Amino acid sequence: MKSIESGQRDALSSNRYNSHIIGHVAGDDSPLARTGSGKLLAMADAAQADLKLLTFEFLFRAGPPPSSEAADAFQKSHQNAWLRQFRIDFANGFDPGRLDDAIAGTDEGFRCLDRLLSDGRACLEGPEFTLSDIAWMPNVHRFGLMDWPFERTPHLQAWFRRISERPSYRLALLDWQPAPVAETFKQYTRLRQAERTDVRSFPHFGSHAD
């Protein structure tokens, strides 16, 4: 299970700057680099903290906890105080209010994208595929693994169906996600649903039912 957490965590930590890296590598003359807006890229970056929290709670908790030796070693060797505290919070169990706030923030971001897409545009910025689509694609993919209620945002849901048909989606995401990892996440999500502790069970969705 360590391979599940470490591989998925590495991909998650890199998402924050993926859009900027892509733009840098593509160069200023690239049509792709020119078409992503700062607003949607900034939104994708800002969403990473909530994505990390909810990923650890609703996906990575499927694996066994680290040994006490490994946990102690992480606390002693890691220089980032925020990450050290995050690991402590994860081990102790995240505060439900903190999780619900992250769910609310994520829902707000997805609803914003849904409103943009409601005018019939094919991609987030308009008719063309841009850096904004690349930046948001892994976020939506990740939340799909925990059975996020995307039926609440039908335009975003339709956008993701279109995007996931692109060869780049498979190359960038699915080919890096071993089948056993996806199956483990699916089984854990079903367990949380049976226990009524899954992402859909939190108060935000009960108080914002459509």
N, C-alpha and C. Protein backbone atom coordinates (compact mmCIF):
# COMPACT_ATOMS: atom_id res chain seq x y z
N MET A 1 0.83 -1.22 0.00
CA MET A 1 0.00 0.00 0.00
C MET A 1 0.86 1.25 0.00
N LYS A 2 2.10 1.12 0.44
CA LYS A 2 2.98 2.28 0.39
C LYS A 2 3.11 2.81 -1.02
N SER A 3 3.14 1.89 -2.03
CA SER A 3 3.28 2.33 -3.41
C SER A 3 2.08 3.12 -3.87
N ILE A 4 0.90 2.79 -3.35
CA ILE A 4 -0.30 3.54 -3.70
C ILE A 4 -0.18 4.97 -3.21
N GLU A 5 0.15 5.13 -1.92
CA GLU A 5 0.21 6.48 -1.37
C GLU A 5 1.34 7.29 -1.97
N SER A 6 2.53 6.68 -2.05
CA SER A 6 3.68 7.45 -2.51
C SER A 6 3.53 7.85 -3.96
N GLY A 7 3.05 6.93 -4.83
CA GLY A 7 2.90 7.27 -6.23
C GLY A 7 1.84 8.32 -6.45
N GLN A 8 0.69 8.16 -5.81
CA GLN A 8 -0.39 9.12 -5.98
C GLN A 8 -0.03 10.45 -5.31
N ARG A 9 0.68 10.39 -4.16
CA ARG A 9 1.06 11.62 -3.49
C ARG A 9 2.05 12.43 -4.32
N ASP A 10 2.99 11.73 -4.98
CA ASP A 10 3.96 12.43 -5.82
C ASP A 10 3.26 13.13 -6.97
N ALA A 11 2.28 12.45 -7.56
CA ALA A 11 1.54 13.09 -8.64
C ALA A 11 0.76 14.29 -8.14
N LEU A 12 0.17 14.16 -6.95
CA LEU A 12 -0.60 15.25 -6.37
C LEU A 12 0.28 16.46 -6.10
N SER A 13 1.44 16.23 -5.49
CA SER A 13 2.29 17.36 -5.15
C SER A 13 2.80 18.09 -6.37
N SER A 14 2.90 17.39 -7.50
CA SER A 14 3.38 18.04 -8.71
C SER A 14 2.29 18.81 -9.43
N ASN A 15 1.03 18.52 -9.14
CA ASN A 15 -0.07 19.17 -9.85
C ASN A 15 -0.06 20.68 -9.65
N ARG A 16 0.38 21.13 -8.50
CA ARG A 16 0.28 22.55 -8.15
C ARG A 16 1.00 23.44 -9.16
N TYR A 17 2.12 22.94 -9.69
CA TYR A 17 2.89 23.77 -10.61
C TYR A 17 2.90 23.22 -12.03
N ASN A 18 2.09 22.22 -12.31
CA ASN A 18 2.08 21.62 -13.63
C ASN A 18 1.76 22.63 -14.72
N SER A 19 0.75 23.48 -14.47
CA SER A 19 0.34 24.42 -15.50
C SER A 19 1.46 25.38 -15.84
N HIS A 20 2.20 25.83 -14.81
CA HIS A 20 3.28 26.78 -15.04
C HIS A 20 4.46 26.09 -15.74
N ILE A 21 4.73 24.84 -15.37
CA ILE A 21 5.80 24.10 -16.00
C ILE A 21 5.49 23.87 -17.47
N ILE A 22 4.25 23.47 -17.76
CA ILE A 22 3.85 23.23 -19.14
C ILE A 22 4.01 24.49 -19.97
N GLY A 23 3.57 25.60 -19.39
CA GLY A 23 3.71 26.86 -20.11
C GLY A 23 5.15 27.21 -20.38
N HIS A 24 6.02 26.95 -19.41
CA HIS A 24 7.44 27.26 -19.57
C HIS A 24 8.07 26.38 -20.64
N VAL A 25 7.76 25.07 -20.59
CA VAL A 25 8.35 24.15 -21.56
C VAL A 25 7.82 24.41 -22.96
N ALA A 26 6.51 24.71 -23.05
CA ALA A 26 5.93 24.96 -24.37
C ALA A 26 6.51 26.21 -25.01
N GLY A 27 6.82 27.20 -24.19
CA GLY A 27 7.38 28.44 -24.72
C GLY A 27 6.29 29.46 -24.98
N ASP A 28 6.69 30.70 -25.03
CA ASP A 28 5.72 31.79 -25.22
C ASP A 28 5.03 31.73 -26.57
N ASP A 29 5.65 31.07 -27.55
CA ASP A 29 5.08 31.03 -28.89
C ASP A 29 4.09 29.88 -29.08
N SER A 30 3.95 29.04 -28.06
CA SER A 30 3.04 27.91 -28.18
C SER A 30 1.59 28.36 -28.09
N PRO A 31 0.73 27.95 -29.03
CA PRO A 31 -0.70 28.30 -28.92
C PRO A 31 -1.31 27.82 -27.62
N LEU A 32 -0.87 26.64 -27.14
CA LEU A 32 -1.41 26.11 -25.89
C LEU A 32 -1.05 27.02 -24.73
N ALA A 33 0.19 27.48 -24.68
CA ALA A 33 0.63 28.33 -23.58
C ALA A 33 -0.06 29.68 -23.60
N ARG A 34 -0.43 30.15 -24.76
CA ARG A 34 -1.03 31.48 -24.86
C ARG A 34 -2.50 31.49 -24.45
N THR A 35 -3.15 30.33 -24.46
CA THR A 35 -4.61 30.33 -24.31
C THR A 35 -5.12 30.06 -22.90
N GLY A 36 -4.27 29.71 -21.96
CA GLY A 36 -4.75 29.49 -20.60
C GLY A 36 -4.85 30.81 -19.85
N SER A 37 -5.96 31.02 -19.14
CA SER A 37 -6.13 32.28 -18.41
C SER A 37 -5.53 32.17 -17.01
N GLY A 38 -5.04 33.28 -16.52
CA GLY A 38 -4.47 33.30 -15.18
C GLY A 38 -5.49 32.96 -14.12
N LYS A 39 -6.73 33.35 -14.33
CA LYS A 39 -7.76 33.12 -13.30
C LYS A 39 -8.00 31.63 -13.07
N LEU A 40 -8.22 30.88 -14.14
CA LEU A 40 -8.52 29.46 -13.97
C LEU A 40 -7.30 28.68 -13.51
N LEU A 41 -6.11 29.09 -13.94
CA LEU A 41 -4.90 28.43 -13.47
C LEU A 41 -4.66 28.70 -11.99
N ALA A 42 -4.93 29.94 -11.57
CA ALA A 42 -4.79 30.28 -10.16
C ALA A 42 -5.81 29.51 -9.32
N MET A 43 -7.02 29.35 -9.83
CA MET A 43 -8.04 28.58 -9.12
C MET A 43 -7.60 27.13 -8.95
N ALA A 44 -7.02 26.56 -10.00
CA ALA A 44 -6.56 25.17 -9.93
C ALA A 44 -5.45 25.02 -8.89
N ASP A 45 -4.54 25.98 -8.86
CA ASP A 45 -3.48 25.94 -7.85
C ASP A 45 -4.05 26.07 -6.44
N ALA A 46 -4.99 26.99 -6.26
CA ALA A 46 -5.57 27.23 -4.94
C ALA A 46 -6.35 26.01 -4.44
N ALA A 47 -6.84 25.20 -5.36
CA ALA A 47 -7.65 24.04 -4.99
C ALA A 47 -6.81 22.89 -4.45
N GLN A 48 -5.48 22.97 -4.59
CA GLN A 48 -4.65 21.82 -4.25
C GLN A 48 -4.64 21.47 -2.76
N ALA A 49 -4.75 22.46 -1.89
CA ALA A 49 -4.74 22.15 -0.46
C ALA A 49 -5.96 21.31 -0.07
N ASP A 50 -7.13 21.69 -0.59
CA ASP A 50 -8.34 20.91 -0.31
C ASP A 50 -8.25 19.54 -0.98
N LEU A 51 -7.71 19.51 -2.18
CA LEU A 51 -7.55 18.23 -2.88
C LEU A 51 -6.66 17.29 -2.08
N LYS A 52 -5.58 17.80 -1.54
CA LYS A 52 -4.67 16.98 -0.74
C LYS A 52 -5.37 16.43 0.49
N LEU A 53 -6.07 17.30 1.21
CA LEU A 53 -6.76 16.88 2.43
C LEU A 53 -7.78 15.79 2.14
N LEU A 54 -8.60 16.01 1.12
CA LEU A 54 -9.67 15.06 0.83
C LEU A 54 -9.13 13.78 0.21
N THR A 55 -8.04 13.87 -0.52
CA THR A 55 -7.41 12.67 -1.07
C THR A 55 -6.90 11.77 0.06
N PHE A 56 -6.23 12.36 1.03
CA PHE A 56 -5.72 11.57 2.14
C PHE A 56 -6.87 10.94 2.93
N GLU A 57 -7.94 11.68 3.12
CA GLU A 57 -9.05 11.15 3.91
C GLU A 57 -9.84 10.08 3.17
N PHE A 58 -10.19 10.32 1.93
CA PHE A 58 -11.13 9.44 1.24
C PHE A 58 -10.47 8.43 0.30
N LEU A 59 -9.16 8.52 0.10
CA LEU A 59 -8.46 7.54 -0.74
C LEU A 59 -7.28 6.90 -0.02
N PHE A 60 -6.34 7.72 0.46
CA PHE A 60 -5.13 7.15 1.06
C PHE A 60 -5.39 6.45 2.38
N ARG A 61 -6.50 6.75 3.03
CA ARG A 61 -6.80 6.05 4.29
C ARG A 61 -7.14 4.59 4.03
N ALA A 62 -7.25 4.23 2.77
CA ALA A 62 -7.48 2.82 2.42
C ALA A 62 -6.29 1.95 2.80
N GLY A 63 -5.12 2.55 2.85
CA GLY A 63 -3.92 1.78 3.16
C GLY A 63 -3.63 1.70 4.64
N PRO A 64 -2.77 0.80 5.03
CA PRO A 64 -2.40 0.69 6.45
C PRO A 64 -1.60 1.90 6.88
N PRO A 65 -1.69 2.29 8.13
CA PRO A 65 -0.90 3.43 8.59
C PRO A 65 0.58 3.09 8.61
N PRO A 66 1.43 4.08 8.51
CA PRO A 66 2.87 3.81 8.58
C PRO A 66 3.24 3.29 9.96
N SER A 67 4.33 2.57 10.01
CA SER A 67 4.81 2.08 11.30
C SER A 67 5.22 3.27 12.16
N SER A 68 5.29 3.05 13.45
CA SER A 68 5.70 4.12 14.36
C SER A 68 7.11 4.58 14.04
N GLU A 69 7.96 3.65 13.61
CA GLU A 69 9.33 4.01 13.24
C GLU A 69 9.35 4.93 12.04
N ALA A 70 8.52 4.61 11.01
CA ALA A 70 8.46 5.43 9.81
C ALA A 70 7.87 6.80 10.12
N ALA A 71 6.85 6.83 10.96
CA ALA A 71 6.24 8.11 11.33
C ALA A 71 7.22 8.99 12.09
N ASP A 72 7.97 8.38 13.01
CA ASP A 72 8.97 9.15 13.78
C ASP A 72 10.07 9.67 12.86
N ALA A 73 10.48 8.84 11.91
CA ALA A 73 11.54 9.25 10.99
C ALA A 73 11.09 10.43 10.14
N PHE A 74 9.82 10.40 9.71
CA PHE A 74 9.29 11.50 8.91
C PHE A 74 9.30 12.80 9.72
N GLN A 75 8.86 12.73 10.95
CA GLN A 75 8.80 13.92 11.80
C GLN A 75 10.20 14.50 12.07
N LYS A 76 11.18 13.63 12.19
CA LYS A 76 12.53 14.09 12.50
C LYS A 76 13.27 14.62 11.27
N SER A 77 12.95 14.06 10.10
CA SER A 77 13.75 14.38 8.92
C SER A 77 13.13 15.44 8.03
N HIS A 78 11.81 15.59 8.07
CA HIS A 78 11.17 16.50 7.14
C HIS A 78 11.28 17.94 7.62
N GLN A 79 11.60 18.84 6.70
CA GLN A 79 11.83 20.24 7.06
C GLN A 79 10.56 21.09 7.03
N ASN A 80 9.51 20.59 6.38
CA ASN A 80 8.28 21.38 6.22
C ASN A 80 7.37 21.17 7.44
N ALA A 81 7.23 22.19 8.26
CA ALA A 81 6.43 22.07 9.48
C ALA A 81 4.97 21.81 9.18
N TRP A 82 4.46 22.41 8.09
CA TRP A 82 3.05 22.21 7.72
C TRP A 82 2.80 20.74 7.40
N LEU A 83 3.71 20.13 6.64
CA LEU A 83 3.54 18.72 6.28
C LEU A 83 3.68 17.81 7.49
N ARG A 84 4.58 18.17 8.40
CA ARG A 84 4.71 17.36 9.62
C ARG A 84 3.40 17.38 10.40
N GLN A 85 2.81 18.56 10.55
CA GLN A 85 1.54 18.66 11.28
C GLN A 85 0.42 17.97 10.52
N PHE A 86 0.45 18.05 9.20
CA PHE A 86 -0.56 17.38 8.38
C PHE A 86 -0.53 15.88 8.62
N ARG A 87 0.66 15.31 8.68
CA ARG A 87 0.77 13.88 8.93
C ARG A 87 0.27 13.51 10.32
N ILE A 88 0.53 14.36 11.29
CA ILE A 88 0.01 14.12 12.64
C ILE A 88 -1.52 14.16 12.64
N ASP A 89 -2.08 15.16 11.97
CA ASP A 89 -3.53 15.28 11.89
C ASP A 89 -4.14 14.08 11.18
N PHE A 90 -3.48 13.62 10.13
CA PHE A 90 -3.96 12.45 9.39
C PHE A 90 -3.97 11.22 10.29
N ALA A 91 -2.90 11.04 11.04
CA ALA A 91 -2.81 9.88 11.93
C ALA A 91 -3.87 9.94 13.03
N ASN A 92 -4.15 11.13 13.53
CA ASN A 92 -5.13 11.29 14.61
C ASN A 92 -6.56 11.33 14.11
N GLY A 93 -6.73 11.57 12.82
CA GLY A 93 -8.06 11.74 12.25
C GLY A 93 -8.36 13.21 12.05
N PHE A 94 -8.64 13.59 10.81
CA PHE A 94 -8.92 14.99 10.52
C PHE A 94 -10.22 15.43 11.19
N ASP A 95 -10.26 16.67 11.62
CA ASP A 95 -11.47 17.24 12.19
C ASP A 95 -12.58 17.25 11.14
N PRO A 96 -13.78 16.74 11.46
CA PRO A 96 -14.86 16.71 10.47
C PRO A 96 -15.20 18.08 9.89
N GLY A 97 -15.11 19.12 10.72
CA GLY A 97 -15.39 20.47 10.22
C GLY A 97 -14.38 20.90 9.18
N ARG A 98 -13.14 20.51 9.38
CA ARG A 98 -12.09 20.83 8.40
C ARG A 98 -12.37 20.13 7.08
N LEU A 99 -12.79 18.87 7.15
CA LEU A 99 -13.14 18.14 5.94
C LEU A 99 -14.33 18.77 5.23
N ASP A 100 -15.34 19.15 6.00
CA ASP A 100 -16.53 19.74 5.40
C ASP A 100 -16.21 21.08 4.74
N ASP A 101 -15.32 21.85 5.35
CA ASP A 101 -14.91 23.12 4.74
C ASP A 101 -14.19 22.88 3.42
N ALA A 102 -13.36 21.84 3.37
CA ALA A 102 -12.66 21.51 2.13
C ALA A 102 -13.64 21.04 1.07
N ILE A 103 -14.63 20.28 1.48
CA ILE A 103 -15.67 19.84 0.53
C ILE A 103 -16.43 21.04 -0.01
N ALA A 104 -16.76 21.98 0.86
CA ALA A 104 -17.49 23.18 0.43
C ALA A 104 -16.65 24.00 -0.55
N GLY A 105 -15.36 24.17 -0.26
CA GLY A 105 -14.51 24.92 -1.15
C GLY A 105 -14.36 24.26 -2.50
N THR A 106 -14.24 22.95 -2.50
CA THR A 106 -14.14 22.21 -3.75
C THR A 106 -15.43 22.32 -4.55
N ASP A 107 -16.54 22.19 -3.87
CA ASP A 107 -17.84 22.30 -4.54
C ASP A 107 -18.01 23.67 -5.17
N GLU A 108 -17.58 24.70 -4.47
CA GLU A 108 -17.68 26.06 -5.01
C GLU A 108 -16.86 26.20 -6.30
N GLY A 109 -15.64 25.65 -6.29
CA GLY A 109 -14.81 25.72 -7.49
C GLY A 109 -15.42 24.97 -8.65
N PHE A 110 -15.94 23.78 -8.40
CA PHE A 110 -16.55 23.01 -9.46
C PHE A 110 -17.81 23.69 -10.00
N ARG A 111 -18.56 24.34 -9.13
CA ARG A 111 -19.75 25.06 -9.59
C ARG A 111 -19.36 26.26 -10.45
N CYS A 112 -18.26 26.90 -10.12
CA CYS A 112 -17.77 28.00 -10.95
C CYS A 112 -17.44 27.51 -12.35
N LEU A 113 -16.75 26.39 -12.44
CA LEU A 113 -16.43 25.82 -13.75
C LEU A 113 -17.70 25.41 -14.48
N ASP A 114 -18.66 24.87 -13.76
CA ASP A 114 -19.91 24.44 -14.37
C ASP A 114 -20.65 25.63 -14.99
N ARG A 115 -20.60 26.76 -14.31
CA ARG A 115 -21.26 27.95 -14.85
C ARG A 115 -20.56 28.42 -16.13
N LEU A 116 -19.25 28.35 -16.16
CA LEU A 116 -18.53 28.72 -17.38
C LEU A 116 -18.93 27.83 -18.55
N LEU A 117 -19.05 26.56 -18.28
CA LEU A 117 -19.35 25.59 -19.32
C LEU A 117 -20.81 25.58 -19.73
N SER A 118 -21.65 26.24 -18.98
CA SER A 118 -23.09 26.22 -19.26
C SER A 118 -23.46 26.95 -20.55
N ASP A 119 -22.53 27.74 -21.11
CA ASP A 119 -22.83 28.43 -22.37
C ASP A 119 -22.58 27.55 -23.59
N GLY A 120 -22.20 26.29 -23.35
CA GLY A 120 -22.03 25.36 -24.46
C GLY A 120 -20.61 25.23 -24.97
N ARG A 121 -19.67 25.93 -24.36
CA ARG A 121 -18.29 25.84 -24.82
C ARG A 121 -17.76 24.42 -24.66
N ALA A 122 -16.85 24.05 -25.51
CA ALA A 122 -16.31 22.69 -25.48
C ALA A 122 -15.27 22.52 -24.39
N CYS A 123 -14.51 23.58 -24.12
CA CYS A 123 -13.43 23.53 -23.14
C CYS A 123 -13.57 24.69 -22.16
N LEU A 124 -12.76 24.70 -21.13
CA LEU A 124 -12.95 25.68 -20.06
C LEU A 124 -12.79 27.12 -20.53
N GLU A 125 -11.88 27.36 -21.46
CA GLU A 125 -11.65 28.72 -21.93
C GLU A 125 -12.44 29.07 -23.19
N GLY A 126 -13.10 28.09 -23.77
CA GLY A 126 -13.82 28.34 -25.02
C GLY A 126 -13.77 27.10 -25.90
N PRO A 127 -13.65 27.27 -27.21
CA PRO A 127 -13.67 26.11 -28.10
C PRO A 127 -12.36 25.32 -28.13
N GLU A 128 -11.26 25.93 -27.69
CA GLU A 128 -9.96 25.28 -27.79
C GLU A 128 -9.49 24.70 -26.46
N PHE A 129 -8.79 23.58 -26.55
CA PHE A 129 -8.17 22.94 -25.40
C PHE A 129 -6.97 23.77 -24.96
N THR A 130 -6.90 24.11 -23.67
CA THR A 130 -5.86 25.01 -23.17
C THR A 130 -5.20 24.47 -21.91
N LEU A 131 -4.26 25.25 -21.39
CA LEU A 131 -3.63 24.91 -20.13
C LEU A 131 -4.64 24.80 -18.99
N SER A 132 -5.70 25.56 -19.05
CA SER A 132 -6.71 25.49 -18.00
C SER A 132 -7.35 24.11 -17.93
N ASP A 133 -7.62 23.51 -19.09
CA ASP A 133 -8.16 22.16 -19.12
C ASP A 133 -7.15 21.17 -18.54
N ILE A 134 -5.87 21.35 -18.88
CA ILE A 134 -4.83 20.47 -18.37
C ILE A 134 -4.72 20.60 -16.85
N ALA A 135 -4.83 21.82 -16.35
CA ALA A 135 -4.69 22.05 -14.91
C ALA A 135 -5.83 21.42 -14.12
N TRP A 136 -7.05 21.46 -14.66
CA TRP A 136 -8.21 20.96 -13.93
C TRP A 136 -8.47 19.48 -14.16
N MET A 137 -7.95 18.93 -15.24
CA MET A 137 -8.20 17.53 -15.57
C MET A 137 -7.81 16.57 -14.44
N PRO A 138 -6.60 16.68 -13.85
CA PRO A 138 -6.28 15.73 -12.77
C PRO A 138 -7.10 15.95 -11.51
N ASN A 139 -7.54 17.19 -11.26
CA ASN A 139 -8.38 17.44 -10.09
C ASN A 139 -9.70 16.68 -10.21
N VAL A 140 -10.36 16.83 -11.35
CA VAL A 140 -11.64 16.16 -11.54
C VAL A 140 -11.46 14.64 -11.54
N HIS A 141 -10.40 14.19 -12.16
CA HIS A 141 -10.11 12.75 -12.15
C HIS A 141 -9.97 12.24 -10.72
N ARG A 142 -9.21 12.95 -9.90
CA ARG A 142 -8.97 12.51 -8.53
C ARG A 142 -10.28 12.44 -7.74
N PHE A 143 -11.14 13.44 -7.88
CA PHE A 143 -12.39 13.42 -7.14
C PHE A 143 -13.35 12.36 -7.67
N GLY A 144 -13.21 12.02 -8.94
CA GLY A 144 -14.02 10.93 -9.47
C GLY A 144 -13.70 9.61 -8.79
N LEU A 145 -12.45 9.44 -8.37
CA LEU A 145 -12.05 8.21 -7.69
C LEU A 145 -12.76 8.04 -6.36
N MET A 146 -13.15 9.14 -5.73
CA MET A 146 -13.85 9.05 -4.45
C MET A 146 -15.36 9.22 -4.62
N ASP A 147 -15.83 9.12 -5.87
CA ASP A 147 -17.26 9.21 -6.20
C ASP A 147 -17.86 10.55 -5.79
N TRP A 148 -17.17 11.63 -6.16
CA TRP A 148 -17.71 12.97 -5.95
C TRP A 148 -19.02 13.11 -6.72
N PRO A 149 -20.02 13.80 -6.18
CA PRO A 149 -21.33 13.91 -6.86
C PRO A 149 -21.31 14.88 -8.04
N PHE A 150 -20.69 14.48 -9.12
CA PHE A 150 -20.59 15.36 -10.28
C PHE A 150 -21.92 15.56 -10.99
N GLU A 151 -22.93 14.80 -10.61
CA GLU A 151 -24.25 15.05 -11.18
C GLU A 151 -24.78 16.43 -10.77
N ARG A 152 -24.20 17.01 -9.74
CA ARG A 152 -24.57 18.36 -9.31
C ARG A 152 -24.07 19.41 -10.29
N THR A 153 -23.06 19.06 -11.07
CA THR A 153 -22.46 19.99 -12.04
C THR A 153 -22.45 19.31 -13.41
N PRO A 154 -23.59 19.20 -14.06
CA PRO A 154 -23.69 18.40 -15.29
C PRO A 154 -22.82 18.90 -16.44
N HIS A 155 -22.61 20.22 -16.52
CA HIS A 155 -21.77 20.74 -17.61
C HIS A 155 -20.31 20.36 -17.39
N LEU A 156 -19.87 20.39 -16.14
CA LEU A 156 -18.51 19.96 -15.82
C LEU A 156 -18.37 18.46 -16.04
N GLN A 157 -19.39 17.72 -15.69
CA GLN A 157 -19.37 16.28 -15.90
C GLN A 157 -19.25 15.95 -17.39
N ALA A 158 -20.00 16.66 -18.22
CA ALA A 158 -19.93 16.44 -19.66
C ALA A 158 -18.56 16.84 -20.21
N TRP A 159 -18.02 17.94 -19.70
CA TRP A 159 -16.67 18.37 -20.11
C TRP A 159 -15.65 17.28 -19.82
N PHE A 160 -15.73 16.68 -18.64
CA PHE A 160 -14.75 15.67 -18.27
C PHE A 160 -14.89 14.43 -19.15
N ARG A 161 -16.10 14.09 -19.51
CA ARG A 161 -16.29 12.96 -20.43
C ARG A 161 -15.58 13.24 -21.76
N ARG A 162 -15.72 14.47 -22.25
CA ARG A 162 -15.05 14.83 -23.51
C ARG A 162 -13.53 14.79 -23.34
N ILE A 163 -13.06 15.40 -22.26
CA ILE A 163 -11.62 15.47 -22.04
C ILE A 163 -11.02 14.08 -21.87
N SER A 164 -11.72 13.19 -21.20
CA SER A 164 -11.18 11.87 -20.91
C SER A 164 -11.11 10.99 -22.15
N GLU A 165 -11.69 11.43 -23.25
CA GLU A 165 -11.58 10.70 -24.51
C GLU A 165 -10.30 11.06 -25.27
N ARG A 166 -9.59 12.09 -24.82
CA ARG A 166 -8.36 12.51 -25.48
C ARG A 166 -7.22 11.54 -25.16
N PRO A 167 -6.39 11.21 -26.14
CA PRO A 167 -5.25 10.32 -25.87
C PRO A 167 -4.34 10.86 -24.75
N SER A 168 -4.24 12.18 -24.65
CA SER A 168 -3.37 12.76 -23.63
C SER A 168 -3.86 12.45 -22.22
N TYR A 169 -5.16 12.27 -22.06
CA TYR A 169 -5.71 11.93 -20.74
C TYR A 169 -5.19 10.57 -20.29
N ARG A 170 -5.21 9.62 -21.20
CA ARG A 170 -4.71 8.28 -20.85
C ARG A 170 -3.21 8.31 -20.60
N LEU A 171 -2.48 9.04 -21.42
CA LEU A 171 -1.03 9.09 -21.27
C LEU A 171 -0.63 9.78 -19.97
N ALA A 172 -1.32 10.86 -19.64
CA ALA A 172 -0.93 11.67 -18.48
C ALA A 172 -1.46 11.14 -17.15
N LEU A 173 -2.58 10.43 -17.18
CA LEU A 173 -3.21 10.01 -15.93
C LEU A 173 -3.39 8.50 -15.82
N LEU A 174 -4.13 7.91 -16.73
CA LEU A 174 -4.48 6.50 -16.57
C LEU A 174 -3.27 5.59 -16.67
N ASP A 175 -2.34 5.90 -17.56
CA ASP A 175 -1.17 5.04 -17.69
C ASP A 175 -0.25 5.11 -16.47
N TRP A 176 -0.42 6.15 -15.65
CA TRP A 176 0.38 6.28 -14.43
C TRP A 176 -0.35 5.76 -13.20
N GLN A 177 -1.54 5.24 -13.41
CA GLN A 177 -2.35 4.75 -12.29
C GLN A 177 -2.53 3.25 -12.43
N PRO A 178 -1.75 2.45 -11.73
CA PRO A 178 -1.87 1.00 -11.85
C PRO A 178 -3.29 0.54 -11.52
N ALA A 179 -3.74 -0.47 -12.25
CA ALA A 179 -5.10 -0.98 -12.05
C ALA A 179 -5.37 -1.39 -10.60
N PRO A 180 -4.43 -2.03 -9.91
CA PRO A 180 -4.71 -2.39 -8.50
C PRO A 180 -4.95 -1.17 -7.61
N VAL A 181 -4.31 -0.05 -7.94
CA VAL A 181 -4.54 1.17 -7.16
C VAL A 181 -5.97 1.65 -7.33
N ALA A 182 -6.42 1.73 -8.57
CA ALA A 182 -7.79 2.17 -8.84
C ALA A 182 -8.80 1.24 -8.18
N GLU A 183 -8.54 -0.05 -8.22
CA GLU A 183 -9.46 -1.02 -7.62
C GLU A 183 -9.48 -0.88 -6.10
N THR A 184 -8.33 -0.64 -5.49
CA THR A 184 -8.28 -0.42 -4.04
C THR A 184 -9.08 0.80 -3.64
N PHE A 185 -8.93 1.88 -4.40
CA PHE A 185 -9.69 3.10 -4.11
C PHE A 185 -11.19 2.85 -4.27
N LYS A 186 -11.55 2.10 -5.29
CA LYS A 186 -12.97 1.82 -5.54
C LYS A 186 -13.57 1.02 -4.38
N GLN A 187 -12.85 0.01 -3.92
CA GLN A 187 -13.35 -0.80 -2.82
C GLN A 187 -13.44 0.02 -1.53
N TYR A 188 -12.45 0.88 -1.31
CA TYR A 188 -12.49 1.69 -0.09
C TYR A 188 -13.65 2.69 -0.14
N THR A 189 -13.90 3.25 -1.31
CA THR A 189 -15.02 4.17 -1.45
C THR A 189 -16.33 3.47 -1.16
N ARG A 190 -16.47 2.24 -1.63
CA ARG A 190 -17.68 1.47 -1.35
C ARG A 190 -17.82 1.21 0.15
N LEU A 191 -16.70 0.92 0.81
CA LEU A 191 -16.74 0.71 2.26
C LEU A 191 -17.20 1.97 2.97
N ARG A 192 -16.64 3.12 2.60
CA ARG A 192 -17.06 4.38 3.23
C ARG A 192 -18.52 4.67 2.94
N GLN A 193 -18.98 4.34 1.76
CA GLN A 193 -20.39 4.55 1.44
C GLN A 193 -21.29 3.66 2.30
N ALA A 194 -20.87 2.42 2.49
CA ALA A 194 -21.65 1.50 3.33
C ALA A 194 -21.70 1.99 4.77
N GLU A 195 -20.61 2.63 5.21
CA GLU A 195 -20.55 3.17 6.56
C GLU A 195 -21.18 4.56 6.67
N ARG A 196 -21.54 5.11 5.52
CA ARG A 196 -22.08 6.47 5.42
C ARG A 196 -21.09 7.50 5.97
N THR A 197 -19.83 7.29 5.62
CA THR A 197 -18.78 8.25 5.97
C THR A 197 -18.03 8.72 4.73
N ASP A 198 -18.61 8.50 3.56
CA ASP A 198 -17.97 8.89 2.30
C ASP A 198 -18.14 10.39 2.07
N VAL A 199 -17.55 10.90 1.02
CA VAL A 199 -17.56 12.34 0.77
C VAL A 199 -18.97 12.90 0.61
N ARG A 200 -19.88 12.09 0.10
CA ARG A 200 -21.27 12.55 -0.11
C ARG A 200 -22.05 12.67 1.20
N SER A 201 -21.55 12.05 2.26
CA SER A 201 -22.30 12.01 3.52
C SER A 201 -22.11 13.24 4.37
N PHE A 202 -21.22 14.16 3.98
CA PHE A 202 -20.88 15.28 4.84
C PHE A 202 -21.95 16.37 4.80
N PRO A 203 -22.04 17.17 5.86
CA PRO A 203 -23.12 18.14 5.99
C PRO A 203 -23.26 19.11 4.82
N HIS A 204 -22.16 19.48 4.17
CA HIS A 204 -22.26 20.45 3.08
C HIS A 204 -23.25 19.99 2.02
N PHE A 205 -23.19 18.73 1.66
CA PHE A 205 -24.09 18.25 0.61
C PHE A 205 -25.51 18.12 1.11
N GLY A 206 -25.68 17.81 2.40
CA GLY A 206 -27.03 17.74 2.95
C GLY A 206 -27.69 19.10 3.01
N SER A 207 -26.89 20.14 3.24
CA SER A 207 -27.44 21.50 3.35
C SER A 207 -27.48 22.23 2.03
N HIS A 208 -26.92 21.61 0.97
CA HIS A 208 -26.91 22.22 -0.36
C HIS A 208 -27.45 21.23 -1.39
N ALA A 209 -28.48 20.50 -1.00
CA ALA A 209 -29.08 19.53 -1.92
C ALA A 209 -29.78 20.25 -3.05
N ASP A 210 -29.60 19.72 -4.27
CA ASP A 210 -30.24 20.30 -5.45
C ASP A 210 -31.53 19.57 -5.76
